[in-house]
Amino acid sequence: PLIRQQLPDAQLHIYGAYTPPKASALHNASQGFHVKHWAEDALEVMSNARVCLAPLRFGAGIKGKLMDAMLCGTPSVTTPVGAEAMSGGLPWPGIIADNPAEIAGAAVRLYQDQNLWLEAQQAGQALLQARFQHRQHCASLIERIDTLRNGLAEHRLGGTSPAPCCGTITTRAPNTWRSGSKRRIATRMKNRLKLN
């Protein structure tokens, strides 16, 4: 309702694999509130969105829906919990907000302000480049595996620390964000995620 007061034609699409009946009952197309359950192609859905709303109250590490938003060039509005452990001090690709009124206001601002939207999109690209490069993380992972393999006996005796976790995400070239058809972009992103 807070968003619709300022954007009467806005449509909110809610996705979730195991949507409880109580949430499904909130579906109201005439009010622009669509509960759609599981998305067959999450990247296509995210590519078609103007803003990703992820008001997370709990979670840890890399949040998949927010990573998908960055991959598709879709700015996001999330909570401090949603952004936690993802940006590494870099600007967030959207807006971080603490309560429903702030979240709604941030969503409206991103939806209406093209310059803010483009800045957020560019921040997402920069964040992916700086923190989630496939080659960088793969090289670190392979190096760590080799180190552990070469000193396996010592490692098993507790002489070294366990290998850290790493992510493997690739990005597109800077000048190709949102160019061409959204379907083609989503397909390209899915292909890139197959560790080419």
C-alpha atoms as a PDB file:
ATOM      1  CA  PRO A   1       0.000   0.000   0.000  1.00  0.00           C
ATOM      2  CA  LEU A   2       2.804   2.479   0.756  1.00  0.00           C
ATOM      3  CA  ILE A   3       4.261   2.058  -2.724  1.00  0.00           C
ATOM      4  CA  ARG A   4       0.865   2.151  -4.477  1.00  0.00           C
ATOM      5  CA  GLN A   5       0.069   5.487  -2.793  1.00  0.00           C
ATOM      6  CA  GLN A   6       2.888   7.059  -4.818  1.00  0.00           C
ATOM      7  CA  LEU A   7       2.886   4.691  -7.805  1.00  0.00           C
ATOM      8  CA  PRO A   8      -0.766   3.741  -8.362  1.00  0.00           C
ATOM      9  CA  ASP A   9       0.052   1.581 -11.398  1.00  0.00           C
ATOM     10  CA  ALA A  10       2.942  -0.310  -9.771  1.00  0.00           C
ATOM     11  CA  GLN A  11       2.773  -4.101  -9.840  1.00  0.00           C
ATOM     12  CA  LEU A  12       4.483  -6.135  -7.113  1.00  0.00           C
ATOM     13  CA  HIS A  13       5.315  -9.729  -8.034  1.00  0.00           C
ATOM     14  CA  ILE A  14       6.198 -12.048  -5.143  1.00  0.00           C
ATOM     15  CA  TYR A  15       8.123 -15.258  -5.849  1.00  0.00           C
ATOM     16  CA  GLY A  16       8.940 -18.133  -3.509  1.00  0.00           C
ATOM     17  CA  ALA A  17       9.374 -21.868  -3.977  1.00  0.00           C
ATOM     18  CA  TYR A  18       7.300 -22.961  -0.987  1.00  0.00           C
ATOM     19  CA  THR A  19       4.726 -20.220  -0.562  1.00  0.00           C
ATOM     20  CA  PRO A  20       2.443 -20.973   2.398  1.00  0.00           C
ATOM     21  CA  PRO A  21      -1.346 -20.790   1.868  1.00  0.00           C
ATOM     22  CA  LYS A  22      -1.543 -17.726   4.123  1.00  0.00           C
ATOM     23  CA  ALA A  23       0.793 -15.832   1.765  1.00  0.00           C
ATOM     24  CA  SER A  24      -0.960 -17.150  -1.362  1.00  0.00           C
ATOM     25  CA  ALA A  25      -4.237 -15.795  -0.006  1.00  0.00           C
ATOM     26  CA  LEU A  26      -2.770 -12.273  -0.242  1.00  0.00           C
ATOM     27  CA  HIS A  27      -2.742 -12.454  -4.060  1.00  0.00           C
ATOM     28  CA  ASN A  28      -4.818  -9.536  -5.370  1.00  0.00           C
ATOM     29  CA  ALA A  29      -4.275  -8.721  -9.040  1.00  0.00           C
ATOM     30  CA  SER A  30      -6.638  -5.730  -8.961  1.00  0.00           C
ATOM     31  CA  GLN A  31      -4.400  -4.146  -6.311  1.00  0.00           C
ATOM     32  CA  GLY A  32      -1.218  -5.027  -8.218  1.00  0.00           C
ATOM     33  CA  PHE A  33      -0.108  -7.649  -5.680  1.00  0.00           C
ATOM     34  CA  HIS A  34       0.776 -10.893  -7.462  1.00  0.00           C
ATOM     35  CA  VAL A  35       1.855 -13.985  -5.513  1.00  0.00           C
ATOM     36  CA  LYS A  36       3.449 -16.202  -8.149  1.00  0.00           C
ATOM     37  CA  HIS A  37       5.244 -18.945  -6.190  1.00  0.00           C
ATOM     38  CA  TRP A  38       8.281 -20.575  -7.843  1.00  0.00           C
ATOM     39  CA  ALA A  39       9.884 -18.868 -10.867  1.00  0.00           C
ATOM     40  CA  GLU A  40      10.919 -21.243 -13.626  1.00  0.00           C
ATOM     41  CA  ASP A  41      13.577 -18.779 -14.808  1.00  0.00           C
ATOM     42  CA  ALA A  42      14.641 -16.487 -11.963  1.00  0.00           C
ATOM     43  CA  LEU A  43      17.091 -14.523 -14.107  1.00  0.00           C
ATOM     44  CA  GLU A  44      14.422 -13.768 -16.691  1.00  0.00           C
ATOM     45  CA  VAL A  45      12.045 -12.605 -13.950  1.00  0.00           C
ATOM     46  CA  MET A  46      14.767 -10.413 -12.448  1.00  0.00           C
ATOM     47  CA  SER A  47      15.702  -9.017 -15.880  1.00  0.00           C
ATOM     48  CA  ASN A  48      12.101  -7.909 -16.388  1.00  0.00           C
ATOM     49  CA  ALA A  49      11.897  -6.175 -13.002  1.00  0.00           C
ATOM     50  CA  ARG A  50      12.571  -2.473 -12.529  1.00  0.00           C
ATOM     51  CA  VAL A  51      13.493  -2.892  -8.847  1.00  0.00           C
ATOM     52  CA  CYS A  52      14.174  -5.949  -6.689  1.00  0.00           C
ATOM     53  CA  LEU A  53      12.632  -5.735  -3.220  1.00  0.00           C
ATOM     54  CA  ALA A  54      14.337  -8.027  -0.712  1.00  0.00           C
ATOM     55  CA  PRO A  55      13.319  -6.923   2.807  1.00  0.00           C
ATOM     56  CA  LEU A  56      15.252  -9.744   4.485  1.00  0.00           C
ATOM     57  CA  ARG A  57      14.942 -10.099   8.246  1.00  0.00           C
ATOM     58  CA  PHE A  58      17.455 -12.939   8.530  1.00  0.00           C
ATOM     59  CA  GLY A  59      20.115 -14.580   6.409  1.00  0.00           C
ATOM     60  CA  ALA A  60      23.864 -14.948   6.146  1.00  0.00           C
ATOM     61  CA  GLY A  61      26.534 -14.707   3.498  1.00  0.00           C
ATOM     62  CA  ILE A  62      25.719 -14.188  -0.146  1.00  0.00           C
ATOM     63  CA  LYS A  63      21.979 -13.812  -0.768  1.00  0.00           C
ATOM     64  CA  GLY A  64      21.053 -15.442  -4.075  1.00  0.00           C
ATOM     65  CA  LYS A  65      18.176 -13.133  -4.965  1.00  0.00           C
ATOM     66  CA  LEU A  66      20.368 -10.061  -4.504  1.00  0.00           C
ATOM     67  CA  MET A  67      23.187 -11.630  -6.519  1.00  0.00           C
ATOM     68  CA  ASP A  68      20.683 -12.451  -9.292  1.00  0.00           C
ATOM     69  CA  ALA A  69      19.542  -8.820  -9.259  1.00  0.00           C
ATOM     70  CA  MET A  70      23.118  -7.586  -9.718  1.00  0.00           C
ATOM     71  CA  LEU A  71      23.773 -10.117 -12.497  1.00  0.00           C
ATOM     72  CA  CYS A  72      20.689  -8.877 -14.353  1.00  0.00           C
ATOM     73  CA  GLY A  73      21.420  -5.197 -13.772  1.00  0.00           C
ATOM     74  CA  THR A  74      18.359  -4.712 -11.570  1.00  0.00           C
ATOM     75  CA  PRO A  75      18.886  -2.350  -8.602  1.00  0.00           C
ATOM     76  CA  SER A  76      17.656  -3.616  -5.244  1.00  0.00           C
ATOM     77  CA  VAL A  77      16.162  -2.389  -2.010  1.00  0.00           C
ATOM     78  CA  THR A  78      17.090  -4.521   0.971  1.00  0.00           C
ATOM     79  CA  THR A  79      17.712  -4.378   4.700  1.00  0.00           C
ATOM     80  CA  PRO A  80      21.076  -4.244   6.475  1.00  0.00           C
ATOM     81  CA  VAL A  81      20.724  -8.030   6.944  1.00  0.00           C
ATOM     82  CA  GLY A  82      20.256  -8.457   3.186  1.00  0.00           C
ATOM     83  CA  ALA A  83      23.353  -6.430   2.331  1.00  0.00           C
ATOM     84  CA  GLU A  84      25.444  -7.916   5.131  1.00  0.00           C
ATOM     85  CA  ALA A  85      28.655  -9.652   3.998  1.00  0.00           C
ATOM     86  CA  MET A  86      28.118  -8.800   0.339  1.00  0.00           C
ATOM     87  CA  SER A  87      29.422  -5.316  -0.472  1.00  0.00           C
ATOM     88  CA  GLY A  88      32.763  -5.291   1.344  1.00  0.00           C
ATOM     89  CA  GLY A  89      32.514  -1.542   1.891  1.00  0.00           C
ATOM     90  CA  LEU A  90      31.620  -0.754  -1.727  1.00  0.00           C
ATOM     91  CA  PRO A  91      28.430   1.191  -2.530  1.00  0.00           C
ATOM     92  CA  TRP A  92      25.306  -0.969  -2.477  1.00  0.00           C
ATOM     93  CA  PRO A  93      23.630  -1.442  -5.891  1.00  0.00           C
ATOM     94  CA  GLY A  94      20.416   0.164  -4.737  1.00  0.00           C
ATOM     95  CA  ILE A  95      19.269   1.297  -1.313  1.00  0.00           C
ATOM     96  CA  ILE A  96      19.540  -0.244   2.152  1.00  0.00           C
ATOM     97  CA  ALA A  97      16.530   0.541   4.357  1.00  0.00           C
ATOM     98  CA  ASP A  98      15.513  -0.453   7.897  1.00  0.00           C
ATOM     99  CA  ASN A  99      11.722  -0.413   8.100  1.00  0.00           C
ATOM    100  CA  PRO A 100       8.639  -0.723   5.858  1.00  0.00           C
ATOM    101  CA  ALA A 101       8.252   3.035   5.312  1.00  0.00           C
ATOM    102  CA  GLU A 102      11.925   3.410   4.340  1.00  0.00           C
ATOM    103  CA  ILE A 103      11.763   0.344   2.094  1.00  0.00           C
ATOM    104  CA  ALA A 104       8.679   1.669   0.289  1.00  0.00           C
ATOM    105  CA  GLY A 105      10.220   5.134  -0.075  1.00  0.00           C
ATOM    106  CA  ALA A 106      13.454   3.660  -1.422  1.00  0.00           C
ATOM    107  CA  ALA A 107      11.564   1.506  -3.927  1.00  0.00           C
ATOM    108  CA  VAL A 108       9.656   4.538  -5.198  1.00  0.00           C
ATOM    109  CA  ARG A 109      12.850   6.597  -5.507  1.00  0.00           C
ATOM    110  CA  LEU A 110      14.623   3.873  -7.481  1.00  0.00           C
ATOM    111  CA  TYR A 111      11.558   3.337  -9.649  1.00  0.00           C
ATOM    112  CA  GLN A 112      11.170   7.030 -10.518  1.00  0.00           C
ATOM    113  CA  ASP A 113      14.711   8.432 -10.558  1.00  0.00           C
ATOM    114  CA  GLN A 114      16.524   7.255 -13.685  1.00  0.00           C
ATOM    115  CA  ASN A 115      19.893   8.686 -12.576  1.00  0.00           C
ATOM    116  CA  LEU A 116      19.681   6.955  -9.197  1.00  0.00           C
ATOM    117  CA  TRP A 117      18.626   3.727 -10.940  1.00  0.00           C
ATOM    118  CA  LEU A 118      21.589   3.895 -13.362  1.00  0.00           C
ATOM    119  CA  GLU A 119      24.019   4.676 -10.515  1.00  0.00           C
ATOM    120  CA  ALA A 120      22.715   1.666  -8.594  1.00  0.00           C
ATOM    121  CA  GLN A 121      23.039  -0.538 -11.665  1.00  0.00           C
ATOM    122  CA  GLN A 122      26.647   0.614 -12.160  1.00  0.00           C
ATOM    123  CA  ALA A 123      27.366  -0.008  -8.464  1.00  0.00           C
ATOM    124  CA  GLY A 124      26.154  -3.582  -8.958  1.00  0.00           C
ATOM    125  CA  GLN A 125      28.503  -4.067 -11.875  1.00  0.00           C
ATOM    126  CA  ALA A 126      31.415  -2.617  -9.880  1.00  0.00           C
ATOM    127  CA  LEU A 127      30.583  -4.846  -6.913  1.00  0.00           C
ATOM    128  CA  LEU A 128      30.505  -7.959  -9.100  1.00  0.00           C
ATOM    129  CA  GLN A 129      33.825  -6.981 -10.697  1.00  0.00           C
ATOM    130  CA  ALA A 130      35.524  -6.258  -7.367  1.00  0.00           C
ATOM    131  CA  ARG A 131      34.245  -9.086  -5.189  1.00  0.00           C
ATOM    132  CA  PHE A 132      32.825 -11.921  -7.265  1.00  0.00           C
ATOM    133  CA  GLN A 133      35.149 -12.555 -10.190  1.00  0.00           C
ATOM    134  CA  HIS A 134      35.041 -16.165 -11.347  1.00  0.00           C
ATOM    135  CA  ARG A 135      38.716 -16.332 -12.387  1.00  0.00           C
ATOM    136  CA  GLN A 136      39.976 -14.731  -9.193  1.00  0.00           C
ATOM    137  CA  HIS A 137      38.053 -17.077  -6.925  1.00  0.00           C
ATOM    138  CA  CYS A 138      38.787 -20.178  -8.988  1.00  0.00           C
ATOM    139  CA  ALA A 139      42.517 -19.425  -8.900  1.00  0.00           C
ATOM    140  CA  SER A 140      42.370 -18.969  -5.108  1.00  0.00           C
ATOM    141  CA  LEU A 141      40.384 -22.166  -4.686  1.00  0.00           C
ATOM    142  CA  ILE A 142      42.751 -24.209  -6.868  1.00  0.00           C
ATOM    143  CA  GLU A 143      45.762 -22.782  -5.020  1.00  0.00           C
ATOM    144  CA  ARG A 144      44.200 -23.670  -1.662  1.00  0.00           C
ATOM    145  CA  ILE A 145      43.353 -27.207  -2.812  1.00  0.00           C
ATOM    146  CA  ASP A 146      46.941 -27.708  -4.043  1.00  0.00           C
ATOM    147  CA  THR A 147      48.307 -26.425  -0.729  1.00  0.00           C
ATOM    148  CA  LEU A 148      46.075 -28.780   1.235  1.00  0.00           C
ATOM    149  CA  ARG A 149      46.856 -31.716  -1.022  1.00  0.00           C
ATOM    150  CA  ASN A 150      50.604 -31.165  -0.696  1.00  0.00           C
ATOM    151  CA  GLY A 151      50.349 -30.973   3.097  1.00  0.00           C
ATOM    152  CA  LEU A 152      47.443 -33.352   3.626  1.00  0.00           C
ATOM    153  CA  ALA A 153      48.987 -35.300   6.513  1.00  0.00           C
ATOM    154  CA  GLU A 154      49.760 -32.102   8.421  1.00  0.00           C
ATOM    155  CA  HIS A 155      46.305 -30.720   7.673  1.00  0.00           C
ATOM    156  CA  ARG A 156      44.602 -33.844   8.988  1.00  0.00           C
ATOM    157  CA  LEU A 157      46.575 -33.508  12.202  1.00  0.00           C
ATOM    158  CA  GLY A 158      45.250 -29.971  12.611  1.00  0.00           C
ATOM    159  CA  GLY A 159      48.367 -28.132  11.469  1.00  0.00           C
ATOM    160  CA  THR A 160      46.559 -25.843   9.023  1.00  0.00           C
ATOM    161  CA  SER A 161      43.236 -24.085   8.928  1.00  0.00           C
ATOM    162  CA  PRO A 162      40.359 -25.299   6.734  1.00  0.00           C
ATOM    163  CA  ALA A 163      39.904 -23.918   3.254  1.00  0.00           C
ATOM    164  CA  PRO A 164      37.753 -20.787   3.065  1.00  0.00           C
ATOM    165  CA  CYS A 165      34.511 -20.776   1.105  1.00  0.00           C
ATOM    166  CA  CYS A 166      34.378 -18.836  -2.132  1.00  0.00           C
ATOM    167  CA  GLY A 167      31.801 -17.739  -4.679  1.00  0.00           C
ATOM    168  CA  THR A 168      32.012 -18.144  -8.432  1.00  0.00           C
ATOM    169  CA  ILE A 169      30.115 -15.500 -10.339  1.00  0.00           C
ATOM    170  CA  THR A 170      31.023 -13.998 -13.706  1.00  0.00           C
ATOM    171  CA  THR A 171      29.877 -10.700 -15.147  1.00  0.00           C
ATOM    172  CA  ARG A 172      29.318  -9.198 -18.558  1.00  0.00           C
ATOM    173  CA  ALA A 173      31.373  -6.420 -20.080  1.00  0.00           C
ATOM    174  CA  PRO A 174      30.489  -2.939 -18.738  1.00  0.00           C
ATOM    175  CA  ASN A 175      28.922  -1.639 -21.958  1.00  0.00           C
ATOM    176  CA  THR A 176      26.462  -4.517 -22.403  1.00  0.00           C
ATOM    177  CA  TRP A 177      24.239  -4.010 -19.342  1.00  0.00           C
ATOM    178  CA  ARG A 178      20.590  -4.075 -20.353  1.00  0.00           C
ATOM    179  CA  SER A 179      21.339  -3.966 -24.069  1.00  0.00           C
ATOM    180  CA  GLY A 180      19.282  -6.131 -26.400  1.00  0.00           C
ATOM    181  CA  SER A 181      16.334  -8.239 -25.446  1.00  0.00           C
ATOM    182  CA  LYS A 182      15.822  -9.185 -21.812  1.00  0.00           C
ATOM    183  CA  ARG A 183      15.418 -12.829 -22.777  1.00  0.00           C
ATOM    184  CA  ARG A 184      18.814 -12.828 -24.492  1.00  0.00           C
ATOM    185  CA  ILE A 185      20.421 -11.202 -21.443  1.00  0.00           C
ATOM    186  CA  ALA A 186      18.961 -13.792 -19.081  1.00  0.00           C
ATOM    187  CA  THR A 187      20.142 -16.601 -21.373  1.00  0.00           C
ATOM    188  CA  ARG A 188      23.638 -15.113 -21.536  1.00  0.00           C
ATOM    189  CA  MET A 189      23.795 -14.856 -17.749  1.00  0.00           C
ATOM    190  CA  LYS A 190      22.667 -18.457 -17.296  1.00  0.00           C
ATOM    191  CA  ASN A 191      25.318 -19.626 -19.764  1.00  0.00           C
ATOM    192  CA  ARG A 192      27.989 -17.612 -17.979  1.00  0.00           C
ATOM    193  CA  LEU A 193      27.087 -19.238 -14.673  1.00  0.00           C
ATOM    194  CA  LYS A 194      27.933 -22.658 -16.120  1.00  0.00           C
ATOM    195  CA  LEU A 195      31.650 -21.943 -15.492  1.00  0.00           C
ATOM    196  CA  ASN A 196      32.651 -21.402 -19.092  1.00  0.00           C
END
